[in-house]
């Protein structure tokens, strides 16, 4: 499904002035969204370490991950600047509002991405840098174009969304092994209920921009609800893996099961009654779940 042409259905905006400060460039990196990416990378670095933590090395690995994530966010918005201009929640972003030019955004996004890759290669290891490069390729060359064509893009997009866990893990551990795979599985499964809630809350925006998300092509929301429940159940199973692999103990397991059951219940509520209240509860439950899970996993490793 192609987006509406730029001259048809664009929400009128007052003429924007060019930004002279750094605020718009910072906004292009999606700092709030990428906060969880940074936290995930830091938690995974700590969990992957065999002995004491080298704070400087950890900061360098997390910074490299943050730079790559920020660069990917900039280049994603560059690609989607026309459709962003069609959506109420994104129409005032720096690119569709005209405060940053596409050329400047391209240079900024590429510079951030290259800086992050170089930092990971020089100060972490080539495996972490390679995983960061794969994150960029999948996110920008596969997931972003797929968003305009199929709702399956959500599942594909969960791959680069989960790779920061592996970047942080391999930066300290040196290899992926069962522990890294467990962290990847948790973040991968977590994203699907999280995004089903977002897709439902902003379904009108996605439809206006021509993105065939599940709540757009199935307005009743039954398919989105089923997906939230399915992946919420798999998340409960994935959250057991750190205990099984010896990464975290029984205290973590108990906390993970309680958190997983709570998020699963929110997904079931959303599937049973698809409305703004249940979608918002699932959204807030999901963004609460992940930090609490990392805290429990880290604490049970101490």
C-alpha atoms as a PDB file:
ATOM      1  CA  UNK A   1       0.000   0.000   0.000  1.00  0.00           C
ATOM      2  CA  UNK A   2       1.546   3.292  -1.099  1.00  0.00           C
ATOM      3  CA  UNK A   3       1.283   6.441   1.020  1.00  0.00           C
ATOM      4  CA  UNK A   4      -0.957   9.264  -0.045  1.00  0.00           C
ATOM      5  CA  UNK A   5       0.870  11.644  -2.380  1.00  0.00           C
ATOM      6  CA  UNK A   6       2.534  14.540  -0.630  1.00  0.00           C
ATOM      7  CA  UNK A   7       0.089  17.057  -2.133  1.00  0.00           C
ATOM      8  CA  UNK A   8      -3.042  15.151  -1.093  1.00  0.00           C
ATOM      9  CA  UNK A   9      -4.107  14.992   2.516  1.00  0.00           C
ATOM     10  CA  UNK A  10      -1.075  16.669   4.074  1.00  0.00           C
ATOM     11  CA  UNK A  11      -1.985  18.430   7.292  1.00  0.00           C
ATOM     12  CA  UNK A  12      -1.371  22.125   6.817  1.00  0.00           C
ATOM     13  CA  UNK A  13       1.443  23.573   8.899  1.00  0.00           C
ATOM     14  CA  UNK A  14       2.604  27.103   9.529  1.00  0.00           C
ATOM     15  CA  UNK A  15       5.731  27.955   7.617  1.00  0.00           C
ATOM     16  CA  UNK A  16       8.672  26.585   9.619  1.00  0.00           C
ATOM     17  CA  UNK A  17      11.887  28.452  10.304  1.00  0.00           C
ATOM     18  CA  UNK A  18      15.280  26.810   9.969  1.00  0.00           C
ATOM     19  CA  UNK A  19      16.722  25.703  13.288  1.00  0.00           C
ATOM     20  CA  UNK A  20      19.960  27.283  14.422  1.00  0.00           C
ATOM     21  CA  UNK A  21      20.393  25.242  17.589  1.00  0.00           C
ATOM     22  CA  UNK A  22      21.060  21.607  18.435  1.00  0.00           C
ATOM     23  CA  UNK A  23      17.567  20.762  19.709  1.00  0.00           C
ATOM     24  CA  UNK A  24      16.256  19.593  16.334  1.00  0.00           C
ATOM     25  CA  UNK A  25      19.305  17.454  15.671  1.00  0.00           C
ATOM     26  CA  UNK A  26      18.908  15.874  19.081  1.00  0.00           C
ATOM     27  CA  UNK A  27      15.221  15.253  18.336  1.00  0.00           C
ATOM     28  CA  UNK A  28      16.194  13.438  15.129  1.00  0.00           C
ATOM     29  CA  UNK A  29      18.012  10.812  17.222  1.00  0.00           C
ATOM     30  CA  UNK A  30      14.755   9.976  19.081  1.00  0.00           C
ATOM     31  CA  UNK A  31      16.384  10.204  22.538  1.00  0.00           C
ATOM     32  CA  UNK A  32      13.321   9.074  24.480  1.00  0.00           C
ATOM     33  CA  UNK A  33      12.786   6.032  22.290  1.00  0.00           C
ATOM     34  CA  UNK A  34      16.475   5.149  22.345  1.00  0.00           C
ATOM     35  CA  UNK A  35      16.724   5.437  26.120  1.00  0.00           C
ATOM     36  CA  UNK A  36      15.547   1.818  26.385  1.00  0.00           C
ATOM     37  CA  UNK A  37      18.110   0.848  23.735  1.00  0.00           C
ATOM     38  CA  UNK A  38      20.887   2.373  25.830  1.00  0.00           C
ATOM     39  CA  UNK A  39      19.565   0.797  29.039  1.00  0.00           C
ATOM     40  CA  UNK A  40      19.286  -2.589  27.335  1.00  0.00           C
ATOM     41  CA  UNK A  41      22.837  -2.378  26.007  1.00  0.00           C
ATOM     42  CA  UNK A  42      24.192  -1.383  29.422  1.00  0.00           C
ATOM     43  CA  UNK A  43      22.308  -4.163  31.220  1.00  0.00           C
ATOM     44  CA  UNK A  44      23.460  -6.731  28.674  1.00  0.00           C
ATOM     45  CA  UNK A  45      27.076  -5.565  28.990  1.00  0.00           C
ATOM     46  CA  UNK A  46      26.941  -6.048  32.742  1.00  0.00           C
ATOM     47  CA  UNK A  47      25.257  -9.434  32.457  1.00  0.00           C
ATOM     48  CA  UNK A  48      27.816 -10.628  29.908  1.00  0.00           C
ATOM     49  CA  UNK A  49      30.834  -9.719  31.996  1.00  0.00           C
ATOM     50  CA  UNK A  50      32.622 -12.590  33.704  1.00  0.00           C
ATOM     51  CA  UNK A  51      34.355 -10.583  36.414  1.00  0.00           C
ATOM     52  CA  UNK A  52      34.478  -6.980  37.549  1.00  0.00           C
ATOM     53  CA  UNK A  53      33.109  -4.207  35.376  1.00  0.00           C
ATOM     54  CA  UNK A  54      35.458  -1.873  33.537  1.00  0.00           C
ATOM     55  CA  UNK A  55      33.335   1.269  33.733  1.00  0.00           C
ATOM     56  CA  UNK A  56      35.203   3.039  30.929  1.00  0.00           C
ATOM     57  CA  UNK A  57      34.889   0.079  28.549  1.00  0.00           C
ATOM     58  CA  UNK A  58      31.217  -0.257  29.424  1.00  0.00           C
ATOM     59  CA  UNK A  59      30.618   3.436  28.754  1.00  0.00           C
ATOM     60  CA  UNK A  60      32.386   3.169  25.396  1.00  0.00           C
ATOM     61  CA  UNK A  61      30.308   0.162  24.337  1.00  0.00           C
ATOM     62  CA  UNK A  62      27.064   1.814  25.416  1.00  0.00           C
ATOM     63  CA  UNK A  63      28.058   5.064  23.693  1.00  0.00           C
ATOM     64  CA  UNK A  64      28.838   3.191  20.478  1.00  0.00           C
ATOM     65  CA  UNK A  65      25.443   1.492  20.611  1.00  0.00           C
ATOM     66  CA  UNK A  66      23.713   4.810  21.309  1.00  0.00           C
ATOM     67  CA  UNK A  67      25.447   6.480  18.350  1.00  0.00           C
ATOM     68  CA  UNK A  68      24.412   3.703  15.974  1.00  0.00           C
ATOM     69  CA  UNK A  69      20.841   3.780  17.312  1.00  0.00           C
ATOM     70  CA  UNK A  70      20.726   7.554  16.958  1.00  0.00           C
ATOM     71  CA  UNK A  71      22.107   7.423  13.426  1.00  0.00           C
ATOM     72  CA  UNK A  72      19.562   4.790  12.446  1.00  0.00           C
ATOM     73  CA  UNK A  73      16.759   6.956  13.847  1.00  0.00           C
ATOM     74  CA  UNK A  74      17.936   9.961  11.808  1.00  0.00           C
ATOM     75  CA  UNK A  75      18.197   7.998   8.563  1.00  0.00           C
ATOM     76  CA  UNK A  76      14.830   6.345   9.192  1.00  0.00           C
ATOM     77  CA  UNK A  77      13.192   9.756   9.543  1.00  0.00           C
ATOM     78  CA  UNK A  78      14.960  10.917   6.405  1.00  0.00           C
ATOM     79  CA  UNK A  79      13.373   8.042   4.478  1.00  0.00           C
ATOM     80  CA  UNK A  80       9.956   8.576   6.059  1.00  0.00           C
ATOM     81  CA  UNK A  81       9.824  12.366   6.040  1.00  0.00           C
ATOM     82  CA  UNK A  82       6.908  12.451   3.568  1.00  0.00           C
ATOM     83  CA  UNK A  83       4.747   9.995   5.509  1.00  0.00           C
ATOM     84  CA  UNK A  84       5.740  11.645   8.793  1.00  0.00           C
ATOM     85  CA  UNK A  85       4.216  14.829   7.398  1.00  0.00           C
ATOM     86  CA  UNK A  86       0.890  13.010   7.012  1.00  0.00           C
ATOM     87  CA  UNK A  87       0.677  11.834  10.617  1.00  0.00           C
ATOM     88  CA  UNK A  88      -0.504  14.057  13.457  1.00  0.00           C
ATOM     89  CA  UNK A  89       1.988  12.704  15.987  1.00  0.00           C
ATOM     90  CA  UNK A  90       4.999  13.122  13.661  1.00  0.00           C
ATOM     91  CA  UNK A  91       4.143  16.097  11.440  1.00  0.00           C
ATOM     92  CA  UNK A  92       6.136  18.513  13.620  1.00  0.00           C
ATOM     93  CA  UNK A  93       9.350  16.508  13.531  1.00  0.00           C
ATOM     94  CA  UNK A  94      12.325  18.512  12.227  1.00  0.00           C
ATOM     95  CA  UNK A  95      12.344  17.041   8.706  1.00  0.00           C
ATOM     96  CA  UNK A  96       8.650  17.245   7.704  1.00  0.00           C
ATOM     97  CA  UNK A  97       8.385  20.647   9.398  1.00  0.00           C
ATOM     98  CA  UNK A  98      11.347  21.881   7.348  1.00  0.00           C
ATOM     99  CA  UNK A  99      13.571  22.854  10.261  1.00  0.00           C
ATOM    100  CA  UNK A 100      16.338  20.493   9.097  1.00  0.00           C
ATOM    101  CA  UNK A 101      17.109  19.851   5.430  1.00  0.00           C
ATOM    102  CA  UNK A 102      17.311  16.288   4.055  1.00  0.00           C
ATOM    103  CA  UNK A 103      20.954  16.856   3.114  1.00  0.00           C
ATOM    104  CA  UNK A 104      21.930  17.935   6.602  1.00  0.00           C
ATOM    105  CA  UNK A 105      20.012  15.036   8.126  1.00  0.00           C
ATOM    106  CA  UNK A 106      21.747  12.567   5.819  1.00  0.00           C
ATOM    107  CA  UNK A 107      25.202  13.810   6.783  1.00  0.00           C
ATOM    108  CA  UNK A 108      24.269  13.794  10.469  1.00  0.00           C
ATOM    109  CA  UNK A 109      22.796  10.282  10.384  1.00  0.00           C
ATOM    110  CA  UNK A 110      25.709   8.779   8.473  1.00  0.00           C
ATOM    111  CA  UNK A 111      28.231  10.513  10.751  1.00  0.00           C
ATOM    112  CA  UNK A 112      26.559   9.168  13.906  1.00  0.00           C
ATOM    113  CA  UNK A 113      26.342   5.658  12.485  1.00  0.00           C
ATOM    114  CA  UNK A 114      29.962   5.560  11.359  1.00  0.00           C
ATOM    115  CA  UNK A 115      31.152   7.006  14.669  1.00  0.00           C
ATOM    116  CA  UNK A 116      29.250   4.338  16.583  1.00  0.00           C
ATOM    117  CA  UNK A 117      30.570   1.511  14.426  1.00  0.00           C
ATOM    118  CA  UNK A 118      34.137   2.821  14.713  1.00  0.00           C
ATOM    119  CA  UNK A 119      33.877   3.161  18.486  1.00  0.00           C
ATOM    120  CA  UNK A 120      32.567  -0.384  18.885  1.00  0.00           C
ATOM    121  CA  UNK A 121      35.218  -1.815  16.566  1.00  0.00           C
ATOM    122  CA  UNK A 122      38.063   0.056  18.273  1.00  0.00           C
ATOM    123  CA  UNK A 123      37.027  -0.153  21.914  1.00  0.00           C
ATOM    124  CA  UNK A 124      34.797  -3.254  22.144  1.00  0.00           C
ATOM    125  CA  UNK A 125      35.318  -5.921  19.471  1.00  0.00           C
ATOM    126  CA  UNK A 126      34.550  -6.678  15.841  1.00  0.00           C
ATOM    127  CA  UNK A 127      31.617  -8.939  16.741  1.00  0.00           C
ATOM    128  CA  UNK A 128      29.825  -6.101  18.512  1.00  0.00           C
ATOM    129  CA  UNK A 129      30.576  -3.752  15.617  1.00  0.00           C
ATOM    130  CA  UNK A 130      29.347  -6.372  13.138  1.00  0.00           C
ATOM    131  CA  UNK A 131      26.086  -6.796  15.043  1.00  0.00           C
ATOM    132  CA  UNK A 132      25.643  -3.023  15.064  1.00  0.00           C
ATOM    133  CA  UNK A 133      26.187  -2.958  11.301  1.00  0.00           C
ATOM    134  CA  UNK A 134      23.586  -5.709  10.847  1.00  0.00           C
ATOM    135  CA  UNK A 135      21.220  -3.624  12.982  1.00  0.00           C
ATOM    136  CA  UNK A 136      21.611  -0.687  10.609  1.00  0.00           C
ATOM    137  CA  UNK A 137      21.129  -2.789   7.484  1.00  0.00           C
ATOM    138  CA  UNK A 138      18.045  -4.638   8.702  1.00  0.00           C
ATOM    139  CA  UNK A 139      16.459  -1.513  10.146  1.00  0.00           C
ATOM    140  CA  UNK A 140      17.068   0.810   7.214  1.00  0.00           C
ATOM    141  CA  UNK A 141      17.225  -1.452   4.153  1.00  0.00           C
ATOM    142  CA  UNK A 142      14.635  -4.085   5.091  1.00  0.00           C
ATOM    143  CA  UNK A 143      12.302  -3.000   7.896  1.00  0.00           C
ATOM    144  CA  UNK A 144      11.791   0.653   6.917  1.00  0.00           C
ATOM    145  CA  UNK A 145      10.735  -0.059   3.280  1.00  0.00           C
ATOM    146  CA  UNK A 146       8.607  -3.019   4.430  1.00  0.00           C
ATOM    147  CA  UNK A 147       6.501  -0.738   6.651  1.00  0.00           C
ATOM    148  CA  UNK A 148       4.822   0.637   3.539  1.00  0.00           C
ATOM    149  CA  UNK A 149       3.995  -2.811   2.174  1.00  0.00           C
ATOM    150  CA  UNK A 150       3.079  -5.382   4.809  1.00  0.00           C
ATOM    151  CA  UNK A 151       2.172  -5.747   8.495  1.00  0.00           C
ATOM    152  CA  UNK A 152       4.904  -8.393   8.711  1.00  0.00           C
ATOM    153  CA  UNK A 153       7.324  -5.496   8.947  1.00  0.00           C
ATOM    154  CA  UNK A 154       6.590  -5.404  12.675  1.00  0.00           C
ATOM    155  CA  UNK A 155       8.162  -8.832  13.188  1.00  0.00           C
ATOM    156  CA  UNK A 156      11.139  -7.952  10.989  1.00  0.00           C
ATOM    157  CA  UNK A 157      11.591  -4.694  12.887  1.00  0.00           C
ATOM    158  CA  UNK A 158      11.836  -6.606  16.149  1.00  0.00           C
ATOM    159  CA  UNK A 159      15.202  -8.008  14.978  1.00  0.00           C
ATOM    160  CA  UNK A 160      17.146  -4.703  14.952  1.00  0.00           C
ATOM    161  CA  UNK A 161      15.191  -3.723  18.036  1.00  0.00           C
ATOM    162  CA  UNK A 162      16.585  -6.725  19.919  1.00  0.00           C
ATOM    163  CA  UNK A 163      20.146  -6.640  18.572  1.00  0.00           C
ATOM    164  CA  UNK A 164      21.351  -3.933  21.029  1.00  0.00           C
ATOM    165  CA  UNK A 165      21.059  -6.589  23.738  1.00  0.00           C
ATOM    166  CA  UNK A 166      23.525  -8.726  21.789  1.00  0.00           C
ATOM    167  CA  UNK A 167      25.778  -5.754  21.092  1.00  0.00           C
ATOM    168  CA  UNK A 168      26.113  -5.022  24.791  1.00  0.00           C
ATOM    169  CA  UNK A 169      26.491  -8.702  25.682  1.00  0.00           C
ATOM    170  CA  UNK A 170      29.200  -9.436  23.124  1.00  0.00           C
ATOM    171  CA  UNK A 171      31.072  -6.230  23.980  1.00  0.00           C
ATOM    172  CA  UNK A 172      31.854  -7.694  27.411  1.00  0.00           C
ATOM    173  CA  UNK A 173      31.476 -11.435  26.817  1.00  0.00           C
ATOM    174  CA  UNK A 174      33.166 -11.777  23.441  1.00  0.00           C
ATOM    175  CA  UNK A 175      30.671 -14.308  22.052  1.00  0.00           C
ATOM    176  CA  UNK A 176      26.915 -14.750  21.847  1.00  0.00           C
ATOM    177  CA  UNK A 177      26.298 -18.166  23.508  1.00  0.00           C
ATOM    178  CA  UNK A 178      23.111 -19.111  25.408  1.00  0.00           C
ATOM    179  CA  UNK A 179      23.050 -16.070  27.662  1.00  0.00           C
ATOM    180  CA  UNK A 180      23.164 -13.602  24.795  1.00  0.00           C
ATOM    181  CA  UNK A 181      20.556 -15.560  22.858  1.00  0.00           C
ATOM    182  CA  UNK A 182      18.272 -15.464  25.902  1.00  0.00           C
ATOM    183  CA  UNK A 183      18.517 -11.672  26.167  1.00  0.00           C
ATOM    184  CA  UNK A 184      17.857 -11.301  22.436  1.00  0.00           C
ATOM    185  CA  UNK A 185      14.766 -13.532  22.679  1.00  0.00           C
ATOM    186  CA  UNK A 186      13.347 -11.520  25.568  1.00  0.00           C
ATOM    187  CA  UNK A 187      13.684  -8.169  23.814  1.00  0.00           C
ATOM    188  CA  UNK A 188      12.428  -9.619  20.519  1.00  0.00           C
ATOM    189  CA  UNK A 189       9.236 -11.033  22.055  1.00  0.00           C
ATOM    190  CA  UNK A 190       8.688  -7.959  24.236  1.00  0.00           C
ATOM    191  CA  UNK A 191       8.477  -5.634  21.253  1.00  0.00           C
ATOM    192  CA  UNK A 192       5.441  -7.255  19.664  1.00  0.00           C
ATOM    193  CA  UNK A 193       2.835  -6.656  22.415  1.00  0.00           C
ATOM    194  CA  UNK A 194       4.404  -3.223  22.911  1.00  0.00           C
ATOM    195  CA  UNK A 195       4.002  -2.309  19.261  1.00  0.00           C
ATOM    196  CA  UNK A 196       0.495  -3.781  18.928  1.00  0.00           C
ATOM    197  CA  UNK A 197      -0.590  -1.302  21.602  1.00  0.00           C
ATOM    198  CA  UNK A 198       1.103   1.572  19.744  1.00  0.00           C
ATOM    199  CA  UNK A 199      -0.346   0.519  16.398  1.00  0.00           C
ATOM    200  CA  UNK A 200      -3.844   0.467  17.870  1.00  0.00           C
ATOM    201  CA  UNK A 201      -3.525   3.838  19.609  1.00  0.00           C
ATOM    202  CA  UNK A 202      -2.245   5.504  16.436  1.00  0.00           C
ATOM    203  CA  UNK A 203      -4.140   3.446  13.870  1.00  0.00           C
ATOM    204  CA  UNK A 204      -5.752   6.532  12.300  1.00  0.00           C
ATOM    205  CA  UNK A 205      -2.355   8.137  11.838  1.00  0.00           C
ATOM    206  CA  UNK A 206      -0.908   4.985  10.290  1.00  0.00           C
ATOM    207  CA  UNK A 207      -3.890   4.701   7.981  1.00  0.00           C
ATOM    208  CA  UNK A 208      -3.566   8.342   6.943  1.00  0.00           C
ATOM    209  CA  UNK A 209       0.072   7.762   6.021  1.00  0.00           C
ATOM    210  CA  UNK A 210      -0.669   4.523   4.163  1.00  0.00           C
ATOM    211  CA  UNK A 211       1.099   2.131   6.535  1.00  0.00           C
ATOM    212  CA  UNK A 212      -0.686  -1.254   6.464  1.00  0.00           C
ATOM    213  CA  UNK A 213      -0.370  -2.018  10.179  1.00  0.00           C
ATOM    214  CA  UNK A 214      -2.654  -4.715  11.561  1.00  0.00           C
ATOM    215  CA  UNK A 215      -5.141  -2.278  13.151  1.00  0.00           C
ATOM    216  CA  UNK A 216      -5.330  -0.469   9.783  1.00  0.00           C
ATOM    217  CA  UNK A 217      -6.046  -3.477   7.575  1.00  0.00           C
ATOM    218  CA  UNK A 218      -8.159  -5.112  10.318  1.00  0.00           C
ATOM    219  CA  UNK A 219     -10.009  -2.169  11.933  1.00  0.00           C
ATOM    220  CA  UNK A 220     -11.771  -4.423  14.427  1.00  0.00           C
ATOM    221  CA  UNK A 221      -8.392  -5.130  16.008  1.00  0.00           C
ATOM    222  CA  UNK A 222      -8.874  -8.862  16.523  1.00  0.00           C
ATOM    223  CA  UNK A 223      -5.650  -9.771  14.741  1.00  0.00           C
ATOM    224  CA  UNK A 224      -3.653  -7.190  16.691  1.00  0.00           C
ATOM    225  CA  UNK A 225      -5.140  -8.524  19.921  1.00  0.00           C
ATOM    226  CA  UNK A 226      -4.265 -12.110  19.049  1.00  0.00           C
ATOM    227  CA  UNK A 227      -0.717 -11.088  18.175  1.00  0.00           C
ATOM    228  CA  UNK A 228      -0.325  -9.282  21.505  1.00  0.00           C
ATOM    229  CA  UNK A 229      -1.482 -12.375  23.403  1.00  0.00           C
ATOM    230  CA  UNK A 230       0.644 -14.768  21.336  1.00  0.00           C
ATOM    231  CA  UNK A 231       3.864 -12.809  21.781  1.00  0.00           C
ATOM    232  CA  UNK A 232       3.031 -12.027  25.389  1.00  0.00           C
ATOM    233  CA  UNK A 233       2.885 -15.758  26.073  1.00  0.00           C
ATOM    234  CA  UNK A 234       6.173 -16.358  24.255  1.00  0.00           C
ATOM    235  CA  UNK A 235       7.702 -13.557  26.295  1.00  0.00           C
ATOM    236  CA  UNK A 236       6.867 -15.419  29.500  1.00  0.00           C
ATOM    237  CA  UNK A 237       8.648 -18.478  28.134  1.00  0.00           C
ATOM    238  CA  UNK A 238      11.639 -16.452  26.908  1.00  0.00           C
ATOM    239  CA  UNK A 239      12.011 -14.754  30.286  1.00  0.00           C
ATOM    240  CA  UNK A 240      12.670 -18.151  31.874  1.00  0.00           C
ATOM    241  CA  UNK A 241      15.736 -18.710  29.676  1.00  0.00           C
ATOM    242  CA  UNK A 242      18.219 -16.651  31.765  1.00  0.00           C
ATOM    243  CA  UNK A 243      17.467 -18.893  34.735  1.00  0.00           C
ATOM    244  CA  UNK A 244      17.750 -22.087  32.687  1.00  0.00           C
ATOM    245  CA  UNK A 245      21.048 -20.941  31.147  1.00  0.00           C
ATOM    246  CA  UNK A 246      22.501 -20.061  34.541  1.00  0.00           C
ATOM    247  CA  UNK A 247      22.599 -16.342  33.853  1.00  0.00           C
ATOM    248  CA  UNK A 248      20.248 -15.455  36.736  1.00  0.00           C
ATOM    249  CA  UNK A 249      18.975 -17.254  39.800  1.00  0.00           C
ATOM    250  CA  UNK A 250      15.632 -18.266  41.276  1.00  0.00           C
ATOM    251  CA  UNK A 251      14.799 -14.833  42.666  1.00  0.00           C
ATOM    252  CA  UNK A 252      14.985 -13.468  39.147  1.00  0.00           C
ATOM    253  CA  UNK A 253      12.830 -16.350  37.916  1.00  0.00           C
ATOM    254  CA  UNK A 254      10.095 -15.537  40.421  1.00  0.00           C
ATOM    255  CA  UNK A 255      10.124 -11.850  39.486  1.00  0.00           C
ATOM    256  CA  UNK A 256      10.171 -12.665  35.756  1.00  0.00           C
ATOM    257  CA  UNK A 257       7.143 -14.926  36.074  1.00  0.00           C
ATOM    258  CA  UNK A 258       5.180 -12.298  37.998  1.00  0.00           C
ATOM    259  CA  UNK A 259       6.087  -9.550  35.530  1.00  0.00           C
ATOM    260  CA  UNK A 260       5.378 -11.812  32.554  1.00  0.00           C
ATOM    261  CA  UNK A 261       2.007 -12.857  33.940  1.00  0.00           C
ATOM    262  CA  UNK A 262       1.063  -9.207  34.505  1.00  0.00           C
ATOM    263  CA  UNK A 263       2.010  -8.183  30.965  1.00  0.00           C
ATOM    264  CA  UNK A 264       0.277 -11.248  29.536  1.00  0.00           C
ATOM    265  CA  UNK A 265      -2.883 -10.309  31.443  1.00  0.00           C
ATOM    266  CA  UNK A 266      -2.739  -6.785  29.968  1.00  0.00           C
ATOM    267  CA  UNK A 267      -2.401  -8.325  26.497  1.00  0.00           C
ATOM    268  CA  UNK A 268      -5.440 -10.553  27.150  1.00  0.00           C
ATOM    269  CA  UNK A 269      -7.421  -7.509  28.316  1.00  0.00           C
ATOM    270  CA  UNK A 270      -6.477  -5.665  25.152  1.00  0.00           C
ATOM    271  CA  UNK A 271      -7.458  -8.637  22.970  1.00  0.00           C
ATOM    272  CA  UNK A 272     -10.820  -8.981  24.739  1.00  0.00           C
ATOM    273  CA  UNK A 273     -11.723  -5.285  24.674  1.00  0.00           C
ATOM    274  CA  UNK A 274      -9.836  -3.358  22.059  1.00  0.00           C
ATOM    275  CA  UNK A 275     -10.100   0.255  23.115  1.00  0.00           C
ATOM    276  CA  UNK A 276      -7.890   3.177  24.037  1.00  0.00           C
ATOM    277  CA  UNK A 277      -7.835   2.304  27.732  1.00  0.00           C
ATOM    278  CA  UNK A 278      -6.693  -1.315  27.301  1.00  0.00           C
ATOM    279  CA  UNK A 279      -4.186  -0.376  24.595  1.00  0.00           C
ATOM    280  CA  UNK A 280      -2.713   2.372  26.744  1.00  0.00           C
ATOM    281  CA  UNK A 281      -2.510   0.046  29.746  1.00  0.00           C
ATOM    282  CA  UNK A 282      -0.640  -2.503  27.626  1.00  0.00           C
ATOM    283  CA  UNK A 283       1.702   0.196  26.337  1.00  0.00           C
ATOM    284  CA  UNK A 284       2.577   1.516  29.793  1.00  0.00           C
ATOM    285  CA  UNK A 285       2.797  -1.995  31.165  1.00  0.00           C
ATOM    286  CA  UNK A 286       5.306  -2.921  28.469  1.00  0.00           C
ATOM    287  CA  UNK A 287       7.587   0.066  29.059  1.00  0.00           C
ATOM    288  CA  UNK A 288       7.514  -0.702  32.779  1.00  0.00           C
ATOM    289  CA  UNK A 289       8.169  -4.414  32.295  1.00  0.00           C
ATOM    290  CA  UNK A 290      11.569  -4.281  30.608  1.00  0.00           C
ATOM    291  CA  UNK A 291      13.450  -2.013  33.065  1.00  0.00           C
ATOM    292  CA  UNK A 292      12.087  -4.023  36.002  1.00  0.00           C
ATOM    293  CA  UNK A 293      13.179  -7.267  34.363  1.00  0.00           C
ATOM    294  CA  UNK A 294      16.714  -5.938  33.815  1.00  0.00           C
ATOM    295  CA  UNK A 295      16.878  -4.779  37.435  1.00  0.00           C
ATOM    296  CA  UNK A 296      15.797  -8.204  38.674  1.00  0.00           C
ATOM    297  CA  UNK A 297      18.288  -9.975  36.413  1.00  0.00           C
ATOM    298  CA  UNK A 298      21.178  -7.724  37.414  1.00  0.00           C
ATOM    299  CA  UNK A 299      20.313  -7.880  41.120  1.00  0.00           C
ATOM    300  CA  UNK A 300      20.141 -11.668  41.080  1.00  0.00           C
ATOM    301  CA  UNK A 301      23.605 -11.814  39.504  1.00  0.00           C
ATOM    302  CA  UNK A 302      25.225  -9.735  42.250  1.00  0.00           C
END
